[in-house]
C-alpha cells in the first residue's frame, strides 16, 4: 500500500499508474521555516488557513511562515501519529456541486507537537523569535467563558491546575501565557494571537480570556499582554465536514495512495481579517495574506455578524428541524422546499435587520448562495455534526439575534423573533433524545446532562429548557420570546417537524434555491 509522503510527491504530480494526478506543492519544503504555531489542527484549519499559506508558498512567498501545529487534548494524539507518518502532508479534496473532485496535497505544515508529552517544547517553540503568530481554532467552547456573563471561568479545574505555584501548563491559556512571559523576560517582541473561531469578536474574546488568565497568574504580565499583544478579529468560512472512511477510500481509488486523514470541503472559502499584527522588522508581521485572497480590513464586525447570524445560525435551524423531520445530511434538509423557505425567511426577516452594511457584499445574493452551498450533496455534511455542542453555539449565534430584535422592538421598531424562537424549540425537542420515529438521538454537548434533564420535564414544565439561565439568560422572562417558543414546541410535539416548518415557512411560491 502506497502512503502519502514527501518522496511520493513527484509521482503523484505525474499520476500513479491507473490513477488521477494530484496537485502537489511546487516549492521546496526543505526551505520552509515555521513562523506560526497553531492550536487546534482539525479539518477546518487544514481546509482554510493552512491552504491559504500553501497558496502563497506556491507563489514563492511566505516560506518563513510555515505552520507548527500543537495538540492539547488527549484526542489530538492521533493527529500527531498521522502528521509524523506522512511528513506533515495531507490531501485536501474540494467537492464541487456537479460531483467533480479537485485534490491537492498541502505542504505548509512542517511540524506538530503534542503538548501533554512535552509542554516545554511547545512553550519554547512559541518563545522563539521566529514565531510571530500563534493562531487558534479551538472551537467555540475552548475560550472558557461564561455564556451569560461573558467572563473568564477561573473556577474551571484545568485553569486552577495551571494557576498552581510551579504548575506545568496544560491548557492553551497556560501554554501561551508562559511563552509570552518568557519572551517578555528575554526582551523578545510578543507574537500576535490570531483567533479563527466562530465567535463574534473572536480576537476581542481571545484578548479578554488570555489576559484574564495572565492577570490571575501575574497582574503585571496581564497588563503587559493587554497593552502589547495584538489579538486581531477575523471571520472565516468554509464548510468542512468530518472526514469519513469513505473519503479515505476515495483518495485511494482516485489517486492510488493512502492518506490516513485527508480533508474534504466545499469550493467556497472566505477569510476576512483585521490587519493588526506585531510589526516584524520593516514588514507587517504577517504573511502577505491579501495576495492569497484574504480580505484585510480595518473592521471585521460587519462580515463576522453576517456569517455568524446568517450561515451559522441557519445551520442550527436546519440541523434540529431537519433531523427531527427524518433527514440526516445537510443537503437533504436544504433541498426540502419548506425548510429552505423557512431558513430564507429567518435570514431575511430576523437576522438581516440586526446586521450592519457589509462593504462589497450583496446580502440577498449571499443568503441565496448559502442555500446553494448547504444543498451540495457531495459534501455530505451530517446534521449530527451541526447539532453537536449546541450550548456553545446557540448562545453565540442565535440568542444575540433574538436579543437585538427584542431591544429594537423596545425602541419602537417592528421586529420579529418567532422563527428564532422556533429554532430554540427545535433544539429543546431534539434534546429529548428521541426522534419522531422513536429512534434514539445521540446528543453531543458539554451540557448534555442538564439539557436532556430539562428537556425531559417539558411535558409538565414547558419552559424548563429555556429556564436554564446559564444558557439563555433572562429570555424566559420575556413573553415576546416565550409565546412563539411555546407554540413551536407544542406543534413539534403534536404535529411534528415537517408540519411545524411548513407553517413557519413563507409562501410556497418563493424559491428555496436559485441557479
Protein backbone atom coordinates (compact mmCIF):
# COMPACT_ATOMS: atom_id res chain seq x y z
CA UNK A 1 0.00 0.00 0.00
CA UNK A 2 1.44 3.38 -1.07
CA UNK A 3 1.18 6.02 1.65
CA UNK A 4 1.41 9.78 1.30
CA UNK A 5 4.95 11.03 1.91
CA UNK A 6 7.38 13.68 0.74
CA UNK A 7 9.23 11.35 -1.63
CA UNK A 8 5.93 10.32 -3.28
CA UNK A 9 5.05 13.86 -4.42
CA UNK A 10 6.74 13.78 -7.87
CA UNK A 11 4.93 10.55 -8.73
CA UNK A 12 1.59 11.98 -7.56
CA UNK A 13 2.06 15.01 -9.80
CA UNK A 14 2.56 12.72 -12.78
CA UNK A 15 -0.16 10.34 -11.67
CA UNK A 16 0.42 6.89 -10.21
CA UNK A 17 -0.32 4.00 -12.58
CA UNK A 18 -4.01 3.93 -13.37
CA UNK A 19 -4.71 6.92 -11.10
CA UNK A 20 -5.56 10.59 -11.50
CA UNK A 21 -2.72 13.07 -10.89
CA UNK A 22 -2.80 15.29 -7.81
CA UNK A 23 -1.66 18.88 -7.48
CA UNK A 24 1.37 18.94 -5.18
CA UNK A 25 3.48 21.73 -3.64
CA UNK A 26 5.65 23.46 -6.24
CA UNK A 27 8.02 24.80 -3.58
CA UNK A 28 10.97 23.17 -1.85
CA UNK A 29 9.59 22.20 1.55
CA UNK A 30 13.12 21.81 2.93
CA UNK A 31 13.41 25.60 2.71
CA UNK A 32 10.36 26.26 4.89
CA UNK A 33 10.71 27.74 8.37
CA UNK A 34 7.93 27.87 10.92
CA UNK A 35 6.59 31.34 11.67
CA UNK A 36 3.19 30.30 13.03
CA UNK A 37 2.20 27.99 15.87
CA UNK A 38 -1.37 26.78 15.56
CA UNK A 39 -3.56 25.25 18.28
CA UNK A 40 -6.39 23.02 17.07
CA UNK A 41 -5.28 21.40 13.84
CA UNK A 42 -8.59 19.88 12.83
CA UNK A 43 -10.18 19.69 9.43
CA UNK A 44 -11.22 23.32 9.25
CA UNK A 45 -7.76 24.74 9.85
CA UNK A 46 -6.29 22.41 7.24
CA UNK A 47 -9.00 23.33 4.71
CA UNK A 48 -8.65 27.03 5.38
CA UNK A 49 -5.67 28.84 6.97
CA UNK A 50 -3.12 26.16 6.01
CA UNK A 51 -4.45 26.21 2.43
CA UNK A 52 -4.06 29.98 2.14
CA UNK A 53 -0.42 29.66 3.20
CA UNK A 54 0.08 26.83 0.72
CA UNK A 55 -1.29 29.14 -1.99
CA UNK A 56 1.28 31.78 -1.05
CA UNK A 57 4.10 29.27 -0.94
CA UNK A 58 3.18 28.05 -4.41
CA UNK A 59 3.74 31.67 -5.48
CA UNK A 60 7.21 31.54 -3.92
CA UNK A 61 6.13 33.67 -0.96
CA UNK A 62 5.78 33.25 2.83
CA UNK A 63 8.37 30.47 3.03
CA UNK A 64 9.27 31.62 6.55
CA UNK A 65 5.62 31.45 7.66
CA UNK A 66 5.11 27.69 7.76
CA UNK A 67 2.96 26.17 10.49
CA UNK A 68 3.88 24.16 13.57
CA UNK A 69 0.69 22.55 14.85
CA UNK A 70 0.02 21.89 18.51
CA UNK A 71 -2.37 19.39 20.09
CA UNK A 72 -3.52 19.87 23.68
CA UNK A 73 -6.36 17.39 24.13
CA UNK A 74 -5.87 13.61 24.52
CA UNK A 75 -7.70 13.01 21.25
CA UNK A 76 -5.06 15.03 19.41
CA UNK A 77 -2.54 12.20 19.75
CA UNK A 78 -3.92 10.54 16.64
CA UNK A 79 -3.21 13.69 14.63
CA UNK A 80 0.38 13.55 15.91
CA UNK A 81 0.74 9.98 14.66
CA UNK A 82 -0.72 10.83 11.24
CA UNK A 83 1.29 14.01 10.78
CA UNK A 84 4.56 12.34 11.68
CA UNK A 85 3.90 9.33 9.44
CA UNK A 86 3.06 11.50 6.41
CA UNK A 87 5.76 14.14 6.78
CA UNK A 88 3.04 16.61 7.87
CA UNK A 89 1.42 16.36 4.43
CA UNK A 90 -2.27 15.75 3.77
CA UNK A 91 -4.73 15.77 0.91
CA UNK A 92 -7.36 18.48 0.53
CA UNK A 93 -10.30 17.34 -1.59
CA UNK A 94 -12.66 20.05 -2.83
CA UNK A 95 -16.08 18.63 -3.69
CA UNK A 96 -17.94 20.64 -6.31
CA UNK A 97 -21.75 20.64 -6.62
CA UNK A 98 -21.54 18.92 -10.04
CA UNK A 99 -19.71 15.96 -8.50
CA UNK A 100 -16.25 16.96 -9.65
CA UNK A 101 -13.47 16.37 -7.09
CA UNK A 102 -10.33 18.50 -7.00
CA UNK A 103 -7.45 17.08 -4.96
CA UNK A 104 -4.24 18.77 -3.87
CA UNK A 105 -1.55 17.99 -1.33
CA UNK A 106 -0.95 20.76 1.20
CA UNK A 107 2.63 21.25 2.38
CA UNK A 108 2.50 24.36 4.58
CA UNK A 109 2.66 22.42 7.87
CA UNK A 110 6.19 21.44 8.89
CA UNK A 111 5.85 20.19 12.46
CA UNK A 112 3.33 19.01 15.04
CA UNK A 113 3.83 18.96 18.81
CA UNK A 114 1.67 17.15 21.34
CA UNK A 115 1.65 19.28 24.48
CA UNK A 116 0.83 16.53 27.02
CA UNK A 117 4.02 14.71 26.01
CA UNK A 118 6.33 17.71 26.13
CA UNK A 119 4.80 21.03 27.21
CA UNK A 120 8.26 22.56 27.50
CA UNK A 121 8.86 22.00 23.77
CA UNK A 122 5.59 23.76 22.95
CA UNK A 123 6.40 26.71 25.21
CA UNK A 124 9.92 27.12 23.89
CA UNK A 125 8.69 26.89 20.30
CA UNK A 126 6.37 29.83 20.91
CA UNK A 127 9.02 31.69 22.90
CA UNK A 128 11.47 31.55 19.99
CA UNK A 129 11.77 34.81 17.99
CA UNK A 130 10.95 33.18 14.64
CA UNK A 131 7.38 32.52 15.79
CA UNK A 132 5.41 35.69 15.11
CA UNK A 133 1.82 34.41 15.15
CA UNK A 134 0.05 31.95 17.42
CA UNK A 135 -3.29 31.07 15.83
CA UNK A 136 -6.29 29.26 17.24
CA UNK A 137 -9.15 27.05 16.08
CA UNK A 138 -10.03 25.63 19.49
CA UNK A 139 -13.84 25.65 18.90
CA UNK A 140 -16.40 28.00 20.38
CA UNK A 141 -16.21 26.25 23.75
CA UNK A 142 -12.43 26.48 24.01
CA UNK A 143 -12.34 30.06 25.28
CA UNK A 144 -13.59 29.15 28.76
CA UNK A 145 -16.05 31.99 29.28
CA UNK A 146 -19.49 32.04 30.88
CA UNK A 147 -22.20 32.23 28.23
CA UNK A 148 -24.30 34.78 30.11
CA UNK A 149 -21.72 36.96 31.87
CA UNK A 150 -19.01 36.68 29.23
CA UNK A 151 -16.37 36.50 31.94
CA UNK A 152 -13.45 34.09 32.16
CA UNK A 153 -14.29 30.94 34.15
CA UNK A 154 -11.42 30.90 36.63
CA UNK A 155 -13.07 28.05 38.57
CA UNK A 156 -12.52 25.53 35.77
CA UNK A 157 -10.38 22.69 37.21
CA UNK A 158 -7.86 22.77 34.35
CA UNK A 159 -7.40 26.51 34.79
CA UNK A 160 -6.97 26.16 38.54
CA UNK A 161 -4.36 23.46 37.96
CA UNK A 162 -2.42 25.78 35.65
CA UNK A 163 -2.50 28.55 38.24
CA UNK A 164 -0.95 26.43 40.98
CA UNK A 165 2.53 27.55 42.01
CA UNK A 166 5.12 25.78 39.86
CA UNK A 167 2.49 24.04 37.71
CA UNK A 168 3.43 22.67 34.30
CA UNK A 169 0.93 24.31 31.90
CA UNK A 170 -1.68 22.04 30.42
CA UNK A 171 -4.23 24.44 28.91
CA UNK A 172 -3.85 26.67 25.89
CA UNK A 173 -4.07 29.62 28.29
CA UNK A 174 -1.23 28.37 30.42
CA UNK A 175 0.99 27.44 27.49
CA UNK A 176 0.53 30.69 25.56
CA UNK A 177 0.86 32.87 28.66
CA UNK A 178 4.08 31.16 29.77
CA UNK A 179 5.56 31.60 26.27
CA UNK A 180 4.69 35.30 26.31
CA UNK A 181 6.18 35.66 29.80
CA UNK A 182 9.46 34.17 28.58
CA UNK A 183 9.56 36.46 25.54
CA UNK A 184 8.96 39.45 27.79
CA UNK A 185 11.72 38.37 30.17
CA UNK A 186 14.13 37.84 27.26
CA UNK A 187 13.38 41.14 25.57
CA UNK A 188 11.74 39.44 22.57
CA UNK A 189 8.74 41.13 20.97
CA UNK A 190 5.44 39.31 21.62
CA UNK A 191 3.71 37.29 18.96
CA UNK A 192 0.24 38.07 17.62
CA UNK A 193 -2.57 35.84 18.89
CA UNK A 194 -4.91 35.22 15.94
CA UNK A 195 -8.25 33.57 16.70
CA UNK A 196 -10.01 31.89 13.77
CA UNK A 197 -13.04 30.55 15.66
CA UNK A 198 -16.73 31.19 15.06
CA UNK A 199 -17.25 33.72 17.82
CA UNK A 200 -18.37 37.31 17.42
CA UNK A 201 -15.33 39.46 18.07
CA UNK A 202 -13.14 36.38 18.29
CA UNK A 203 -9.98 38.44 18.73
CA UNK A 204 -11.61 40.57 21.41
CA UNK A 205 -12.81 37.44 23.20
CA UNK A 206 -9.35 35.88 22.98
CA UNK A 207 -7.77 39.05 24.39
CA UNK A 208 -10.21 39.12 27.29
CA UNK A 209 -9.75 35.45 28.17
CA UNK A 210 -5.99 35.23 27.80
CA UNK A 211 -5.32 38.45 29.68
CA UNK A 212 -7.77 37.40 32.41
CA UNK A 213 -5.78 34.20 32.89
CA UNK A 214 -2.49 36.11 32.82
CA UNK A 215 -3.71 38.60 35.46
CA UNK A 216 -4.64 35.72 37.75
CA UNK A 217 -1.10 34.46 37.39
CA UNK A 218 0.69 37.82 37.46
CA UNK A 219 -1.15 41.18 37.27
CA UNK A 220 1.82 42.92 35.66
CA UNK A 221 2.09 40.25 32.98
CA UNK A 222 -1.63 40.56 32.25
CA UNK A 223 -1.34 44.33 31.90
CA UNK A 224 1.66 43.93 29.56
CA UNK A 225 -0.27 41.47 27.38
CA UNK A 226 -3.24 43.82 27.26
CA UNK A 227 -1.01 46.65 26.06
CA UNK A 228 1.45 44.84 23.79
CA UNK A 229 -0.11 41.69 22.29
CA UNK A 230 -2.39 42.15 19.24
CA UNK A 231 -5.49 39.97 19.01
CA UNK A 232 -6.94 40.68 15.55
CA UNK A 233 -10.57 39.80 14.85
CA UNK A 234 -11.36 37.60 11.88
CA UNK A 235 -14.20 35.96 10.00
CA UNK A 236 -13.57 32.54 8.48
CA UNK A 237 -15.86 30.48 6.29
CA UNK A 238 -15.66 27.12 4.60
CA UNK A 239 -17.96 24.15 5.13
CA UNK A 240 -15.68 21.30 6.18
CA UNK A 241 -17.43 18.09 7.25
CA UNK A 242 -15.82 15.39 9.35
CA UNK A 243 -13.53 13.10 7.33
CA UNK A 244 -15.04 9.64 6.83
CA UNK A 245 -13.66 6.26 5.84
CA UNK A 246 -15.42 6.77 2.51
CA UNK A 247 -13.33 9.92 1.96
CA UNK A 248 -10.15 7.96 2.68
CA UNK A 249 -11.28 5.25 0.27
CA UNK A 250 -11.98 7.83 -2.43
CA UNK A 251 -8.44 9.21 -2.22
CA UNK A 252 -7.14 5.66 -2.57
CA UNK A 253 -9.39 4.79 -5.53
CA UNK A 254 -8.98 8.09 -7.39
CA UNK A 255 -5.31 8.72 -6.84
CA UNK A 256 -3.75 5.40 -5.86
CA UNK A 257 -2.31 6.24 -2.45
CA UNK A 258 -3.35 6.15 1.20
CA UNK A 259 -3.91 9.28 3.26
CA UNK A 260 -4.82 8.48 6.87
CA UNK A 261 -6.52 11.84 7.40
CA UNK A 262 -7.47 13.75 4.24
CA UNK A 263 -9.74 16.80 4.48
CA UNK A 264 -12.83 17.38 2.35
CA UNK A 265 -14.53 20.74 1.85
CA UNK A 266 -16.75 22.83 -0.38
CA UNK A 267 -15.35 25.11 -3.12
CA UNK A 268 -16.34 28.32 -1.33
CA UNK A 269 -13.84 29.88 1.04
CA UNK A 270 -13.61 33.29 2.70
CA UNK A 271 -11.30 34.90 5.25
CA UNK A 272 -11.77 38.48 6.43
CA UNK A 273 -9.01 39.59 8.77
CA UNK A 274 -8.29 42.71 10.80
CA UNK A 275 -4.83 43.92 9.81
CA UNK A 276 -3.43 44.27 13.33
CA UNK A 277 -0.17 42.38 13.95
CA UNK A 278 3.11 42.88 15.78
CA UNK A 279 5.43 44.56 13.25
CA UNK A 280 8.38 42.40 12.24
CA UNK A 281 11.35 44.45 11.06
CA UNK A 282 10.16 46.52 8.13
CA UNK A 283 7.22 44.18 7.44
CA UNK A 284 3.69 43.91 8.81
CA UNK A 285 4.37 40.87 11.00
CA UNK A 286 2.16 38.56 8.95
CA UNK A 287 2.27 36.70 5.66
CA UNK A 288 1.06 38.65 2.60
CA UNK A 289 -2.38 37.11 3.10
CA UNK A 290 -4.02 39.60 0.74
CA UNK A 291 -2.04 38.08 -2.14
CA UNK A 292 -3.85 34.78 -1.50
CA UNK A 293 -7.33 36.30 -1.47
CA UNK A 294 -7.72 37.17 2.22
CA UNK A 295 -9.66 40.40 2.79
CA UNK A 296 -7.61 42.62 5.11
CA UNK A 297 -9.95 45.20 6.62
CA UNK A 298 -9.95 47.71 9.48
CA UNK A 299 -13.26 46.41 10.88
CA UNK A 300 -14.28 42.76 10.67
CA UNK A 301 -17.53 43.04 12.62
CA UNK A 302 -19.97 43.53 9.69
CA UNK A 303 -18.56 40.44 7.98
CA UNK A 304 -18.50 38.26 11.08
CA UNK A 305 -22.06 39.17 12.07
CA UNK A 306 -23.17 38.37 8.52
CA UNK A 307 -21.58 34.94 8.69
CA UNK A 308 -22.49 34.02 12.27
CA UNK A 309 -26.11 35.15 12.07
CA UNK A 310 -26.83 34.00 8.53
CA UNK A 311 -24.71 30.90 7.90
CA UNK A 312 -24.02 29.55 11.39
CA UNK A 313 -27.42 30.30 12.89
CA UNK A 314 -29.10 28.85 9.78
CA UNK A 315 -27.05 25.70 10.26
CA UNK A 316 -28.68 25.39 13.68
CA UNK A 317 -32.16 25.92 12.27
CA UNK A 318 -31.53 23.38 9.55
CA UNK A 319 -29.94 20.91 11.96
CA UNK A 320 -32.63 20.21 14.56
CA UNK A 321 -35.66 20.67 12.31
CA UNK A 322 -34.01 18.61 9.58
CA UNK A 323 -33.01 15.79 11.92
CA UNK A 324 -36.44 15.60 13.53
CA UNK A 325 -38.02 15.56 10.06
CA UNK A 326 -36.01 12.46 9.18
CA UNK A 327 -33.11 13.98 7.25
CA UNK A 328 -29.57 13.00 8.19
CA UNK A 329 -27.48 15.18 5.87
CA UNK A 330 -27.37 18.93 5.38
CA UNK A 331 -28.05 18.73 1.67
CA UNK A 332 -31.23 16.74 2.29
CA UNK A 333 -32.51 19.39 4.68
CA UNK A 334 -31.51 22.30 2.41
CA UNK A 335 -33.28 20.67 -0.54
CA UNK A 336 -36.51 20.40 1.48
CA UNK A 337 -38.57 23.29 -0.01
CA UNK A 338 -40.35 24.19 3.21
CA UNK A 339 -37.18 24.16 5.26
CA UNK A 340 -35.31 26.20 2.64
CA UNK A 341 -38.07 28.84 2.69
CA UNK A 342 -38.04 28.83 6.49
CA UNK A 343 -34.29 29.48 6.52
CA UNK A 344 -34.57 32.30 4.00
CA UNK A 345 -37.40 33.87 5.99
CA UNK A 346 -35.32 33.66 9.15
CA UNK A 347 -32.39 35.28 7.35
CA UNK A 348 -34.46 37.99 5.69
CA UNK A 349 -36.86 38.92 8.48
CA UNK A 350 -34.95 38.27 11.69
CA UNK A 351 -31.20 38.06 11.08
CA UNK A 352 -30.71 40.73 8.39
CA UNK A 353 -32.32 43.55 10.43
CA UNK A 354 -29.60 43.03 13.07
CA UNK A 355 -26.74 43.43 10.56
CA UNK A 356 -24.72 46.48 9.66
CA UNK A 357 -23.97 47.23 5.99
CA UNK A 358 -21.31 44.82 4.73
CA UNK A 359 -18.89 46.53 2.31
CA UNK A 360 -18.77 44.82 -1.06
CA UNK A 361 -21.41 42.19 -0.26
CA UNK A 362 -24.86 41.78 -1.85
CA UNK A 363 -26.71 40.28 1.12
CA UNK A 364 -29.62 38.95 -0.95
CA UNK A 365 -27.21 37.07 -3.21
CA UNK A 366 -25.19 35.90 -0.19
CA UNK A 367 -28.26 34.42 1.50
CA UNK A 368 -29.40 32.56 -1.57
CA UNK A 369 -25.93 31.29 -2.19
CA UNK A 370 -25.95 29.88 1.35
CA UNK A 371 -28.91 27.67 0.43
CA UNK A 372 -27.00 26.53 -2.65
CA UNK A 373 -23.92 25.76 -0.55
CA UNK A 374 -25.96 23.84 2.00
CA UNK A 375 -27.51 21.86 -0.88
CA UNK A 376 -24.20 20.48 -2.20
CA UNK A 377 -24.94 16.76 -1.90
CA UNK A 378 -21.33 15.75 -2.46
CA UNK A 379 -20.16 17.40 0.77
CA UNK A 380 -22.39 15.04 2.78
CA UNK A 381 -22.18 17.18 5.88
CA UNK A 382 -24.11 15.44 8.63
CA UNK A 383 -26.89 17.09 10.60
CA UNK A 384 -25.50 15.37 13.68
CA UNK A 385 -22.35 17.49 13.31
CA UNK A 386 -24.43 20.66 13.01
CA UNK A 387 -26.44 19.72 16.10
CA UNK A 388 -23.42 18.97 18.29
CA UNK A 389 -22.23 21.29 21.07
CA UNK A 390 -25.29 23.48 20.72
CA UNK A 391 -24.81 25.07 24.14
CA UNK A 392 -21.61 26.62 22.77
CA UNK A 393 -23.27 27.72 19.54
CA UNK A 394 -26.85 28.87 20.07
CA UNK A 395 -25.87 31.46 22.75
CA UNK A 396 -23.26 32.96 20.40
CA UNK A 397 -25.04 32.77 17.06
CA UNK A 398 -28.81 32.86 17.58
CA UNK A 399 -29.53 34.31 21.02
CA UNK A 400 -27.89 37.65 20.05
CA UNK A 401 -30.31 37.90 17.11
CA UNK A 402 -33.24 37.41 19.49
CA UNK A 403 -31.90 39.93 21.98
CA UNK A 404 -31.20 42.61 19.39
CA UNK A 405 -34.63 42.26 17.85
CA UNK A 406 -36.32 42.48 21.24
CA UNK A 407 -34.26 45.57 22.10
CA UNK A 408 -35.15 47.19 18.77
CA UNK A 409 -38.82 46.44 19.42
CA UNK A 410 -38.47 48.16 22.80
CA UNK A 411 -37.26 51.22 20.87
CA UNK A 412 -40.35 51.19 18.67
CA UNK A 413 -39.13 49.26 15.62
CA UNK A 414 -41.12 46.43 14.07
CA UNK A 415 -39.08 43.28 14.65
CA UNK A 416 -39.81 39.55 14.73
CA UNK A 417 -38.39 36.68 16.80
CA UNK A 418 -40.82 33.86 16.01
CA UNK A 419 -38.54 31.85 13.73
CA UNK A 420 -35.56 32.20 16.08
CA UNK A 421 -37.77 31.07 18.96
CA UNK A 422 -38.86 28.09 16.86
CA UNK A 423 -35.21 27.10 16.27
CA UNK A 424 -34.67 27.12 20.03
CA UNK A 425 -37.80 24.98 20.41
CA UNK A 426 -36.47 22.51 17.84
CA UNK A 427 -33.27 22.26 19.89
CA UNK A 428 -35.34 21.61 23.01
CA UNK A 429 -37.27 18.87 21.20
CA UNK A 430 -34.03 17.37 19.82
CA UNK A 431 -32.55 17.35 23.34
CA UNK A 432 -35.26 14.93 24.43
CA UNK A 433 -33.01 12.34 22.81
CA UNK A 434 -35.65 10.52 20.73
CA UNK A 435 -36.67 11.37 17.17
CA UNK A 436 -40.17 11.26 15.72
CA UNK A 437 -39.73 7.62 14.68
CA UNK A 438 -38.86 6.64 18.24
CA UNK A 439 -35.18 6.18 17.45
CA UNK A 440 -32.57 7.44 19.95
CA UNK A 441 -30.71 10.68 19.26
CA UNK A 442 -27.07 10.80 20.35
CA UNK A 443 -26.96 14.25 21.92
CA UNK A 444 -23.40 15.59 21.93
CA UNK A 445 -22.90 18.58 24.20
CA UNK A 446 -20.75 19.59 27.15
CA UNK A 447 -24.05 20.33 28.99
CA UNK A 448 -25.70 17.12 27.84
CA UNK A 449 -26.98 16.03 31.26
CA UNK A 450 -28.72 19.26 32.34
CA UNK A 451 -30.02 19.88 28.81
CA UNK A 452 -31.58 16.45 28.50
CA UNK A 453 -32.91 16.59 32.06
CA UNK A 454 -34.63 19.91 31.30
CA UNK A 455 -36.00 18.59 28.00
CA UNK A 456 -37.40 15.55 29.80
CA UNK A 457 -39.52 17.84 32.03
CA UNK A 458 -41.11 19.74 29.16
CA UNK A 459 -44.42 17.85 29.26
CA UNK A 460 -45.07 19.20 32.75
CA UNK A 461 -42.87 22.32 32.62
CA UNK A 462 -43.00 23.67 29.05
CA UNK A 463 -40.43 26.40 29.79
CA UNK A 464 -37.97 24.10 31.59
CA UNK A 465 -35.47 24.12 28.73
CA UNK A 466 -35.24 27.89 28.26
CA UNK A 467 -35.30 28.41 32.04
CA UNK A 468 -31.61 27.42 32.03
CA UNK A 469 -30.32 30.91 32.65
CA UNK A 470 -26.68 29.92 32.23
CA UNK A 471 -27.53 29.33 28.55
CA UNK A 472 -30.40 31.72 27.80
CA UNK A 473 -30.10 34.43 30.44
CA UNK A 474 -33.44 36.15 31.09
CA UNK A 475 -35.19 35.25 27.81
CA UNK A 476 -37.55 33.01 29.78
CA UNK A 477 -38.99 36.16 31.38
CA UNK A 478 -40.00 37.81 28.08
CA UNK A 479 -43.38 36.68 26.68
CA UNK A 480 -42.47 38.04 23.23
CA UNK A 481 -40.00 35.15 23.09
CA UNK A 482 -41.73 32.53 25.20
CA UNK A 483 -45.09 32.73 23.38
CA UNK A 484 -43.75 31.76 19.92
CA UNK A 485 -41.34 29.33 21.60
CA UNK A 486 -44.19 27.51 23.36
CA UNK A 487 -46.31 27.50 20.21
CA UNK A 488 -43.48 25.94 18.19
CA UNK A 489 -42.67 23.41 20.91
CA UNK A 490 -46.33 22.35 21.14
CA UNK A 491 -46.52 22.00 17.37
CA UNK A 492 -43.36 19.90 17.30
CA UNK A 493 -44.84 17.52 19.87
CA UNK A 494 -48.34 17.38 18.40
CA UNK A 495 -47.75 17.63 14.64
CA UNK A 496 -44.04 17.02 14.06
CA UNK A 497 -41.19 18.95 12.49
CA UNK A 498 -42.40 18.87 8.89
CA UNK A 499 -45.78 20.42 9.67
CA UNK A 500 -44.23 22.95 12.04
CA UNK A 501 -41.71 24.11 9.45
CA UNK A 502 -44.39 24.26 6.75
CA UNK A 503 -46.46 26.59 8.93
CA UNK A 504 -43.47 28.80 9.67
CA UNK A 505 -42.15 28.93 6.09
CA UNK A 506 -43.05 31.69 3.68
CA UNK A 507 -45.34 31.34 0.67
CA UNK A 508 -44.89 28.15 -1.32
CA UNK A 509 -44.12 30.08 -4.48
CA UNK A 510 -40.93 31.51 -3.04
CA UNK A 511 -37.87 29.67 -4.36
CA UNK A 512 -35.63 27.97 -1.85
CA UNK A 513 -32.78 27.74 -4.33
CA UNK A 514 -31.50 29.56 -7.35
CA UNK A 515 -29.45 28.51 -10.31
